[in-house]
Amino acid sequence: MTNDEQELFEELLDDEEFAPGLNRGALLQRGAAAGAAMWGVSTLFGPGTAFASTQARSLTPTFYQWIYGLYPEIPSAINKDYGKRHKLDAKIAPVQGFGIDRFVAEAKKKKSTWDVYVGMTPFVEMASLIESGAIEPWDKYISKSVVNDLIPSIRQEATYQGHMWSFPFLLDIIIQAWNGEIVKKAGLDPNAAPKTWDEFIANAKKVVSSKAAPFGAVFDSHGWRSLAPITYTFNPNVYTPDGLFDFTNPATVNALEVMKRMMEVAPNNILEEGKVDAGVNTTPDEEAFAGRQAAYYIKYQNAPTRFAGTWPDPTVLHIAGMPKQPGGAGATVFWNTGAALFKYGQNKQAAADYMKFLTYDQRIWKQALSKHVKGQSGQLAPYKSTWAKWEKSPPEWMADWAFTVRAQLGKSKAIKTNIWGLNQFVLGKPGWETYLKGDEKDPKKALAKARDLVMAEVKKHKK
């Protein structure tokens, strides 16, 4: 018996639900009679015991709730189809606001209720899950054909310290979008994307002054959705040697100044947290754009595609790459929300097979990108072969903007993966927002405050 098996056996012996009606002494006597080999432990107990059920556990993926919400085909049809080839018991993940506490707590006990978590974004929680020992790489389980089919930048994002920790799935890219009906009402060309931030803000101001809509532009105030991607349009190389976002970089200062100018044409509540999911969703920008109260929008593409579905005519939605100032890099941020493989889960090869089945399923992408779906989920496929096929022969159902967003991936870079990937923006937000709120007049000082807030926590972590 290996050390891991011994620890599992000892833990099960002390579990009152393990074999009802048998005490520890009786279990050990049975174990001795069976030779105490782990392969024979299941013979000690009847089919109704907890051990027997864990040995025969179905493949158990757990999904971040929003994925089921955007892709109802997964629980209603795709999982049922996969269930014909392997027993499947899909769950909703016990996470909110990207929290991973439950996963980490189980890993400390060297167990996992689930086999795979569908909902991990590399820069958000991947490094923390690795550090906690909750997950393991996909290297031994994912096929070479799948790895080689991944778009290179997506594959690179999923790889950390030489191993592939995320099975890529849903691609998002920060873009600009606008309501063509409102823009036209303001006397502007509804088909023309603002090329620079100056033009973007001038157009937004004209929307307000013409009373075409109450607000000219909106953005999501969370730093990874606004400050970072706007910074990338000036320069994406804004990281310290430790891999932290450089809040005091000149490009970051430029981005914060852009956000300040956007505040003049945005709702008063634009900096407030969202109403659900620990504040990260149902944000003020989403409500304003869905309600046709704002013309221009900066966010990942799946936001405007979904909220335009609430409009009388969703076809007035337009999407383009991010604006940039002269001399700027013109880059933006992308991320891919994929799947993590639990170290103490079961059915690991089946988990890889399931993720391949799921991510290649055309029903997913038809829901995401179809011009016939009102309120498309908007996210993009991660595979080269899928896009090569679509580009050679575009499906009748595919929305034109899908290729526009796909083209932006070539100008996109991921936020660097480390344990502070998401938290640095949460920690720094009170600092940079002093400038947006007018409490601090100097953007450099506000961003220095943001840096200091982050570094204070980093130092605590190192102690």
Protein backbone atom coordinates (compact mmCIF):
# COMPACT_ATOMS: atom_id res chain seq x y z
CA MET A 1 0.00 0.00 0.00
CA THR A 2 1.41 3.42 -0.95
CA ASN A 3 1.60 6.29 1.54
CA ASP A 4 -1.34 8.02 -0.17
CA GLU A 5 -3.39 4.85 -0.03
CA GLN A 6 -2.50 4.32 3.62
CA GLU A 7 -3.58 7.89 4.48
CA LEU A 8 -6.84 7.42 2.60
CA PHE A 9 -7.49 4.10 4.36
CA GLU A 10 -6.79 5.64 7.80
CA GLU A 11 -9.08 8.59 7.03
CA LEU A 12 -11.86 6.26 5.91
CA LEU A 13 -11.53 4.17 9.06
CA ASP A 14 -12.32 7.24 11.15
CA ASP A 15 -15.24 8.29 8.95
CA GLU A 16 -18.57 7.35 10.57
CA GLU A 17 -20.28 7.34 7.17
CA PHE A 18 -17.69 5.03 5.64
CA ALA A 19 -19.22 1.72 6.71
CA PRO A 20 -22.30 2.15 8.91
CA GLY A 21 -22.59 -0.32 11.77
CA LEU A 22 -18.91 -1.29 11.85
CA ASN A 23 -16.43 0.11 14.34
CA ARG A 24 -12.73 0.70 13.66
CA GLY A 25 -11.69 -2.59 15.27
CA ALA A 26 -14.05 -4.62 13.12
CA LEU A 27 -12.83 -2.87 10.01
CA LEU A 28 -9.19 -3.57 10.83
CA GLN A 29 -9.99 -7.25 11.46
CA ARG A 30 -11.61 -7.48 8.04
CA GLY A 31 -8.64 -5.67 6.54
CA ALA A 32 -6.20 -8.16 8.06
CA ALA A 33 -8.26 -11.05 6.77
CA ALA A 34 -8.17 -9.57 3.29
CA GLY A 35 -4.41 -9.07 3.36
CA ALA A 36 -4.72 -5.28 3.91
CA ALA A 37 -4.07 -4.62 0.22
CA MET A 38 -5.71 -1.48 -1.06
CA TRP A 39 -6.91 -3.30 -4.13
CA GLY A 40 -8.84 -5.60 -1.86
CA VAL A 41 -10.34 -3.00 0.45
CA SER A 42 -13.50 -2.76 -1.62
CA THR A 43 -14.18 -6.43 -0.90
CA LEU A 44 -14.47 -5.62 2.80
CA PHE A 45 -17.70 -3.75 2.38
CA GLY A 46 -21.02 -4.26 0.70
CA PRO A 47 -22.35 -2.30 -2.29
CA GLY A 48 -24.19 0.12 -0.01
CA THR A 49 -21.12 1.45 1.78
CA ALA A 50 -19.57 4.84 1.15
CA PHE A 51 -16.31 3.23 0.02
CA ALA A 52 -18.02 1.19 -2.65
CA SER A 53 -19.75 4.28 -3.97
CA THR A 54 -16.53 6.33 -4.11
CA GLN A 55 -14.72 3.57 -5.96
CA ALA A 56 -17.40 3.58 -8.64
CA ARG A 57 -17.95 7.35 -8.70
CA SER A 58 -19.18 8.87 -11.91
CA LEU A 59 -17.09 11.48 -13.68
CA THR A 60 -17.93 14.59 -11.65
CA PRO A 61 -17.27 17.95 -13.28
CA THR A 62 -18.28 21.10 -11.44
CA PHE A 63 -19.18 24.28 -13.34
CA TYR A 64 -19.08 27.93 -12.38
CA GLN A 65 -22.78 28.86 -12.40
CA TRP A 66 -22.51 31.48 -15.17
CA ILE A 67 -21.32 28.88 -17.69
CA TYR A 68 -24.55 26.93 -17.34
CA GLY A 69 -26.43 30.22 -17.57
CA LEU A 70 -24.79 31.17 -20.87
CA TYR A 71 -24.72 27.66 -22.31
CA PRO A 72 -27.93 25.82 -21.39
CA GLU A 73 -27.07 23.21 -24.01
CA ILE A 74 -24.43 21.83 -21.64
CA PRO A 75 -26.76 20.50 -18.91
CA SER A 76 -29.72 19.89 -21.20
CA ALA A 77 -28.10 18.06 -24.11
CA ILE A 78 -24.30 17.86 -24.23
CA ASN A 79 -23.90 16.25 -20.81
CA LYS A 80 -26.65 13.79 -21.64
CA ASP A 81 -24.88 12.84 -24.86
CA TYR A 82 -21.56 12.39 -23.09
CA GLY A 83 -23.32 10.32 -20.45
CA LYS A 84 -23.87 7.67 -23.11
CA ARG A 85 -20.11 6.95 -23.15
CA HIS A 86 -19.24 7.49 -19.46
CA LYS A 87 -21.22 7.89 -16.25
CA LEU A 88 -21.51 11.61 -15.57
CA ASP A 89 -22.67 13.55 -12.53
CA ALA A 90 -22.18 17.28 -13.23
CA LYS A 91 -22.49 19.82 -10.41
CA ILE A 92 -22.59 23.58 -9.86
CA ALA A 93 -19.34 24.79 -8.28
CA PRO A 94 -19.39 26.24 -4.74
CA VAL A 95 -17.68 29.44 -5.88
CA GLN A 96 -18.63 33.10 -5.85
CA GLY A 97 -16.51 35.99 -7.02
CA PHE A 98 -13.81 33.51 -8.15
CA GLY A 99 -13.50 32.10 -4.61
CA ILE A 100 -11.63 28.79 -4.31
CA ASP A 101 -11.81 28.24 -0.55
CA ARG A 102 -13.75 24.98 -0.78
CA PHE A 103 -11.32 23.50 -3.29
CA VAL A 104 -8.32 24.41 -1.16
CA ALA A 105 -9.92 23.12 2.05
CA GLU A 106 -10.60 19.74 0.46
CA ALA A 107 -7.07 19.53 -0.96
CA LYS A 108 -5.65 19.96 2.55
CA LYS A 109 -7.52 16.79 3.48
CA LYS A 110 -6.22 15.11 0.30
CA LYS A 111 -9.64 14.64 -1.19
CA SER A 112 -11.94 16.21 -3.76
CA THR A 113 -15.67 15.97 -4.23
CA TRP A 114 -15.17 16.69 -7.93
CA ASP A 115 -12.87 15.62 -10.75
CA VAL A 116 -12.62 18.78 -12.80
CA TYR A 117 -13.55 22.44 -12.31
CA VAL A 118 -14.86 24.21 -15.41
CA GLY A 119 -14.52 27.92 -14.76
CA MET A 120 -10.84 28.61 -14.03
CA THR A 121 -9.19 31.62 -15.67
CA PRO A 122 -5.36 31.46 -15.67
CA PHE A 123 -4.58 34.94 -14.34
CA VAL A 124 -7.39 34.76 -11.77
CA GLU A 125 -6.98 31.66 -9.62
CA MET A 126 -4.69 29.20 -11.41
CA ALA A 127 -1.48 30.09 -9.55
CA SER A 128 -3.28 29.98 -6.19
CA LEU A 129 -4.77 26.57 -6.95
CA ILE A 130 -1.32 25.32 -7.95
CA GLU A 131 0.30 26.72 -4.81
CA SER A 132 -2.37 25.11 -2.62
CA GLY A 133 -1.81 21.69 -4.18
CA ALA A 134 -5.47 21.42 -5.21
CA ILE A 135 -4.86 20.79 -8.92
CA GLU A 136 -2.41 18.96 -11.15
CA PRO A 137 -1.33 19.54 -14.78
CA TRP A 138 -3.19 18.09 -17.72
CA ASP A 139 0.08 16.96 -19.34
CA LYS A 140 -0.44 13.21 -18.79
CA TYR A 141 -4.05 13.22 -19.91
CA ILE A 142 -4.65 15.74 -22.68
CA SER A 143 -3.91 14.35 -26.14
CA LYS A 144 -1.15 15.81 -28.33
CA SER A 145 -3.68 16.44 -31.08
CA VAL A 146 -5.69 18.73 -28.79
CA VAL A 147 -2.60 20.54 -27.49
CA ASN A 148 -1.29 21.12 -31.02
CA ASP A 149 -4.70 22.39 -32.16
CA LEU A 150 -4.83 25.16 -29.57
CA ILE A 151 -4.23 28.71 -30.78
CA PRO A 152 -0.63 29.36 -29.64
CA SER A 153 -1.34 32.38 -27.41
CA ILE A 154 -4.12 30.47 -25.66
CA ARG A 155 -1.87 27.47 -25.15
CA GLN A 156 0.81 29.75 -23.74
CA GLU A 157 -1.64 31.33 -21.29
CA ALA A 158 -2.70 27.87 -20.07
CA THR A 159 0.94 26.91 -19.44
CA TYR A 160 2.73 27.83 -16.22
CA GLN A 161 6.19 26.76 -15.10
CA GLY A 162 6.43 24.35 -18.01
CA HIS A 163 3.14 22.55 -17.45
CA MET A 164 -0.35 22.94 -18.87
CA TRP A 165 -2.69 23.59 -15.94
CA SER A 166 -5.79 24.78 -17.78
CA PHE A 167 -7.81 22.97 -20.43
CA PRO A 168 -8.86 26.00 -22.55
CA PHE A 169 -12.51 26.56 -23.34
CA LEU A 170 -14.14 30.01 -23.56
CA LEU A 171 -12.18 32.91 -25.08
CA ASP A 172 -12.89 36.55 -24.18
CA ILE A 173 -11.19 39.67 -25.56
CA ILE A 174 -11.66 43.25 -24.38
CA ILE A 175 -13.09 45.28 -27.28
CA GLN A 176 -15.19 48.37 -27.92
CA ALA A 177 -18.86 48.14 -28.86
CA TRP A 178 -21.60 50.64 -29.54
CA ASN A 179 -25.32 50.99 -30.10
CA GLY A 180 -25.60 52.09 -33.73
CA GLU A 181 -29.11 53.43 -33.24
CA ILE A 182 -28.00 55.83 -30.52
CA VAL A 183 -24.85 56.83 -32.41
CA LYS A 184 -26.87 57.62 -35.53
CA LYS A 185 -29.34 59.64 -33.48
CA ALA A 186 -26.38 61.72 -32.23
CA GLY A 187 -25.48 62.58 -35.83
CA LEU A 188 -22.48 60.24 -35.96
CA ASP A 189 -21.68 57.45 -38.43
CA PRO A 190 -23.14 54.27 -36.87
CA ASN A 191 -20.76 52.07 -38.89
CA ALA A 192 -17.53 53.86 -37.95
CA ALA A 193 -15.46 52.77 -34.97
CA PRO A 194 -13.62 55.50 -33.07
CA LYS A 195 -9.94 55.03 -33.89
CA THR A 196 -8.43 56.94 -31.00
CA TRP A 197 -9.37 57.52 -27.37
CA ASP A 198 -9.78 61.22 -28.18
CA GLU A 199 -12.33 60.36 -30.88
CA PHE A 200 -14.04 57.82 -28.63
CA ILE A 201 -14.56 60.38 -25.87
CA ALA A 202 -15.51 63.18 -28.29
CA ASN A 203 -18.20 60.93 -29.77
CA ALA A 204 -19.42 59.98 -26.32
CA LYS A 205 -19.70 63.65 -25.38
CA LYS A 206 -21.70 64.34 -28.53
CA VAL A 207 -24.12 61.58 -27.60
CA VAL A 208 -24.77 63.32 -24.29
CA SER A 209 -24.94 66.86 -25.67
CA SER A 210 -27.34 65.80 -28.43
CA LYS A 211 -29.49 63.98 -25.86
CA ALA A 212 -29.34 60.84 -27.98
CA ALA A 213 -28.83 58.93 -24.71
CA PRO A 214 -28.21 59.88 -21.07
CA PHE A 215 -24.67 58.50 -21.14
CA GLY A 216 -21.98 58.55 -23.79
CA ALA A 217 -19.89 55.59 -22.67
CA VAL A 218 -19.60 52.94 -19.99
CA PHE A 219 -16.89 50.58 -18.75
CA ASP A 220 -16.49 47.95 -16.05
CA SER A 221 -14.60 49.48 -13.12
CA HIS A 222 -12.83 46.24 -12.15
CA GLY A 223 -9.18 46.77 -13.05
CA TRP A 224 -8.69 43.62 -15.08
CA ARG A 225 -11.63 44.67 -17.26
CA SER A 226 -10.72 48.34 -17.72
CA LEU A 227 -7.46 49.66 -16.32
CA ALA A 228 -5.34 46.77 -17.66
CA PRO A 229 -6.80 46.54 -21.19
CA ILE A 230 -6.80 50.32 -21.66
CA THR A 231 -3.20 50.32 -20.46
CA TYR A 232 -2.36 47.66 -23.07
CA THR A 233 -3.58 49.97 -25.85
CA PHE A 234 -0.63 52.22 -24.88
CA ASN A 235 1.86 49.48 -23.96
CA PRO A 236 1.26 45.85 -22.90
CA ASN A 237 4.73 45.46 -21.38
CA VAL A 238 3.78 46.81 -17.98
CA TYR A 239 4.97 44.25 -15.45
CA THR A 240 7.60 44.30 -12.74
CA PRO A 241 10.38 41.67 -12.62
CA ASP A 242 8.19 39.80 -10.09
CA GLY A 243 5.35 39.59 -12.61
CA LEU A 244 3.13 42.17 -10.92
CA PHE A 245 1.16 44.75 -12.87
CA ASP A 246 3.12 48.00 -12.84
CA PHE A 247 0.66 50.57 -11.57
CA THR A 248 3.17 53.40 -11.88
CA ASN A 249 4.12 52.72 -15.50
CA PRO A 250 3.48 55.72 -17.82
CA ALA A 251 1.09 53.57 -19.87
CA THR A 252 -0.97 52.88 -16.74
CA VAL A 253 -1.08 56.60 -15.96
CA ASN A 254 -2.33 57.26 -19.50
CA ALA A 255 -5.03 54.62 -19.07
CA LEU A 256 -6.25 56.07 -15.78
CA GLU A 257 -6.50 59.50 -17.41
CA VAL A 258 -8.64 57.96 -20.18
CA MET A 259 -10.90 56.43 -17.56
CA LYS A 260 -11.22 59.80 -15.82
CA ARG A 261 -12.36 61.38 -19.08
CA MET A 262 -14.86 58.56 -19.59
CA MET A 263 -16.26 59.24 -16.11
CA GLU A 264 -17.57 62.57 -17.43
CA VAL A 265 -19.96 60.77 -19.80
CA ALA A 266 -20.74 57.72 -17.64
CA PRO A 267 -23.42 57.04 -14.98
CA ASN A 268 -22.70 58.34 -11.49
CA ASN A 269 -22.71 54.78 -10.14
CA ILE A 270 -20.17 53.45 -12.65
CA LEU A 271 -17.61 52.64 -9.94
CA GLU A 272 -20.00 50.61 -7.81
CA GLU A 273 -19.67 46.86 -7.41
CA GLY A 274 -22.02 44.49 -9.18
CA LYS A 275 -25.18 43.11 -7.64
CA VAL A 276 -24.36 39.39 -7.85
CA ASP A 277 -21.43 36.98 -7.67
CA ALA A 278 -19.56 38.88 -4.94
CA GLY A 279 -19.81 42.09 -6.91
CA VAL A 280 -18.23 41.01 -10.18
CA ASN A 281 -21.40 40.62 -12.25
CA THR A 282 -24.56 42.62 -12.98
CA THR A 283 -22.42 45.73 -12.86
CA PRO A 284 -23.64 49.29 -13.59
CA ASP A 285 -22.13 49.26 -17.08
CA GLU A 286 -24.09 46.14 -17.98
CA GLU A 287 -27.37 47.62 -16.81
CA ALA A 288 -26.82 50.91 -18.66
CA PHE A 289 -25.87 49.26 -21.97
CA ALA A 290 -28.69 46.72 -21.77
CA GLY A 291 -31.15 49.53 -21.03
CA ARG A 292 -29.99 51.53 -24.10
CA GLN A 293 -28.87 54.31 -21.78
CA ALA A 294 -25.28 54.42 -23.12
CA ALA A 295 -23.85 54.48 -26.63
CA TYR A 296 -20.26 53.20 -26.35
CA TYR A 297 -18.95 50.31 -24.28
CA ILE A 298 -15.54 48.94 -23.24
CA LYS A 299 -15.63 45.32 -22.04
CA TYR A 300 -15.13 41.74 -23.19
CA GLN A 301 -17.24 40.94 -26.25
CA ASN A 302 -19.64 38.58 -24.52
CA ALA A 303 -21.10 41.51 -22.55
CA PRO A 304 -22.42 43.63 -25.45
CA THR A 305 -23.53 40.56 -27.42
CA ARG A 306 -25.60 39.35 -24.48
CA PHE A 307 -27.09 42.70 -23.50
CA ALA A 308 -27.92 43.70 -27.05
CA GLY A 309 -30.25 40.71 -26.92
CA THR A 310 -32.53 42.78 -24.69
CA TRP A 311 -32.94 45.47 -27.36
CA PRO A 312 -35.87 45.63 -29.80
CA ASP A 313 -33.34 45.34 -32.64
CA PRO A 314 -30.08 43.58 -31.61
CA THR A 315 -28.64 44.09 -35.12
CA VAL A 316 -27.77 47.71 -34.28
CA LEU A 317 -24.89 46.39 -32.15
CA HIS A 318 -21.43 47.10 -33.57
CA ILE A 319 -18.09 45.70 -32.38
CA ALA A 320 -14.51 46.70 -33.19
CA GLY A 321 -11.01 46.62 -31.78
CA MET A 322 -9.99 48.97 -29.00
CA PRO A 323 -9.21 52.62 -29.75
CA LYS A 324 -5.58 53.71 -29.40
CA GLN A 325 -3.70 56.99 -29.25
CA PRO A 326 -1.07 57.85 -31.90
CA GLY A 327 2.10 55.97 -31.07
CA GLY A 328 0.27 53.50 -28.85
CA ALA A 329 0.67 49.74 -29.15
CA GLY A 330 -3.01 49.12 -29.91
CA ALA A 331 -3.03 45.93 -27.89
CA THR A 332 -5.72 44.64 -25.53
CA VAL A 333 -6.32 41.93 -22.93
CA PHE A 334 -7.61 38.42 -23.55
CA TRP A 335 -8.24 35.47 -21.27
CA ASN A 336 -9.56 31.97 -21.70
CA THR A 337 -11.81 30.43 -19.08
CA GLY A 338 -11.04 26.72 -18.99
CA ALA A 339 -10.90 23.73 -16.70
CA ALA A 340 -8.69 22.67 -13.79
CA LEU A 341 -7.98 19.02 -12.96
CA PHE A 342 -8.26 18.25 -9.25
CA LYS A 343 -5.22 16.44 -7.83
CA TYR A 344 -7.36 14.34 -5.50
CA GLY A 345 -10.17 13.76 -7.97
CA GLN A 346 -10.91 10.55 -9.82
CA ASN A 347 -11.57 9.67 -13.48
CA LYS A 348 -8.73 11.91 -14.70
CA GLN A 349 -8.41 10.48 -18.18
CA ALA A 350 -12.18 10.59 -18.52
CA ALA A 351 -12.04 14.25 -17.45
CA ALA A 352 -9.71 15.03 -20.36
CA ASP A 353 -11.95 13.08 -22.72
CA TYR A 354 -14.97 15.00 -21.45
CA MET A 355 -13.30 18.38 -21.91
CA LYS A 356 -12.34 17.48 -25.47
CA PHE A 357 -15.91 16.37 -26.15
CA LEU A 358 -17.27 19.59 -24.66
CA THR A 359 -14.91 22.10 -26.27
CA TYR A 360 -15.22 20.74 -29.80
CA ASP A 361 -19.02 20.49 -29.67
CA GLN A 362 -20.45 22.81 -32.33
CA ARG A 363 -23.60 23.39 -30.28
CA ILE A 364 -21.49 25.46 -27.89
CA TRP A 365 -20.18 27.73 -30.63
CA LYS A 366 -23.52 28.05 -32.36
CA GLN A 367 -24.97 29.33 -29.09
CA ALA A 368 -22.04 31.68 -28.68
CA LEU A 369 -21.67 33.12 -32.17
CA SER A 370 -24.91 32.65 -34.07
CA LYS A 371 -26.59 35.67 -35.61
CA HIS A 372 -29.87 33.83 -35.11
CA VAL A 373 -29.49 33.68 -31.31
CA LYS A 374 -30.83 36.73 -29.50
CA GLY A 375 -28.30 37.63 -26.86
CA GLN A 376 -25.45 35.39 -27.99
CA SER A 377 -23.03 34.35 -25.28
CA GLY A 378 -20.27 35.67 -27.52
CA GLN A 379 -17.22 33.67 -26.47
CA LEU A 380 -14.82 32.22 -29.02
CA ALA A 381 -13.49 28.72 -29.69
CA PRO A 382 -9.83 28.03 -28.76
CA TYR A 383 -8.91 25.73 -31.66
CA LYS A 384 -7.00 26.48 -34.86
CA SER A 385 -8.84 23.78 -36.80
CA THR A 386 -12.24 25.18 -35.85
CA TRP A 387 -11.37 28.67 -37.07
CA ALA A 388 -9.65 27.37 -40.21
CA LYS A 389 -12.83 25.52 -41.11
CA TRP A 390 -15.02 28.54 -40.42
CA GLU A 391 -12.75 30.92 -42.33
CA LYS A 392 -12.67 28.63 -45.35
CA SER A 393 -16.42 28.18 -45.33
CA PRO A 394 -18.24 30.51 -42.91
CA PRO A 395 -21.30 28.83 -41.43
CA GLU A 396 -24.60 30.37 -42.47
CA TRP A 397 -25.42 30.95 -38.82
CA MET A 398 -22.23 32.79 -37.82
CA ALA A 399 -22.38 36.48 -36.91
CA ASP A 400 -19.94 38.72 -38.79
CA TRP A 401 -18.53 40.22 -35.60
CA ALA A 402 -17.14 36.79 -34.61
CA PHE A 403 -14.34 37.16 -37.16
CA THR A 404 -13.76 40.76 -36.06
CA VAL A 405 -13.21 39.65 -32.47
CA ARG A 406 -11.10 36.67 -33.56
CA ALA A 407 -8.81 39.06 -35.43
CA GLN A 408 -8.22 40.99 -32.20
CA LEU A 409 -6.54 37.97 -30.62
CA GLY A 410 -3.46 38.76 -32.69
CA LYS A 411 -3.28 42.12 -30.88
CA SER A 412 -4.09 40.69 -27.46
CA LYS A 413 -1.97 39.61 -24.52
CA ALA A 414 -2.91 37.80 -21.34
CA ILE A 415 -2.54 39.26 -17.87
CA LYS A 416 0.48 37.55 -16.34
CA THR A 417 -0.27 34.53 -14.20
CA ASN A 418 0.78 34.69 -10.56
CA ILE A 419 -0.98 34.43 -7.21
CA TRP A 420 -1.66 38.17 -7.31
CA GLY A 421 -3.05 38.14 -10.85
CA LEU A 422 -6.60 39.13 -9.91
CA ASN A 423 -6.09 40.22 -6.32
CA GLN A 424 -3.65 42.96 -7.24
CA PHE A 425 -6.49 44.76 -9.02
CA VAL A 426 -8.86 44.23 -6.11
CA LEU A 427 -6.27 45.48 -3.63
CA GLY A 428 -5.19 48.46 -5.73
CA LYS A 429 -8.63 49.71 -6.70
CA PRO A 430 -9.21 51.97 -3.67
CA GLY A 431 -5.94 53.71 -4.52
CA TRP A 432 -6.46 54.52 -8.18
CA GLU A 433 -10.12 55.34 -7.64
CA THR A 434 -9.15 58.34 -5.51
CA TYR A 435 -8.24 59.99 -8.83
CA LEU A 436 -11.43 58.90 -10.57
CA LYS A 437 -13.54 60.21 -7.69
CA GLY A 438 -11.67 63.51 -7.54
CA ASP A 439 -10.18 63.01 -4.08
CA GLU A 440 -6.67 62.92 -5.57
CA LYS A 441 -5.82 65.34 -8.38
CA ASP A 442 -2.62 63.64 -9.52
CA PRO A 443 -3.06 60.27 -11.31
CA LYS A 444 0.54 59.31 -10.55
CA LYS A 445 -0.02 59.71 -6.82
CA ALA A 446 -3.26 57.73 -6.99
CA LEU A 447 -1.53 54.88 -8.80
CA ALA A 448 1.36 55.00 -6.34
CA LYS A 449 -1.24 54.45 -3.60
CA ALA A 450 -2.56 51.47 -5.55
CA ARG A 451 0.96 50.03 -5.83
CA ASP A 452 1.58 50.51 -2.12
CA LEU A 453 -1.66 48.77 -1.17
CA VAL A 454 -0.65 45.76 -3.26
CA MET A 455 2.93 45.65 -2.01
CA ALA A 456 1.79 45.79 1.61
CA GLU A 457 -0.10 42.52 1.09
CA VAL A 458 2.72 40.97 -0.91
CA LYS A 459 5.11 41.61 1.98
CA LYS A 460 2.68 40.02 4.45
CA HIS A 461 2.46 36.94 2.26
CA LYS A 462 6.24 36.57 2.19
CA LYS A 463 6.57 36.59 6.01
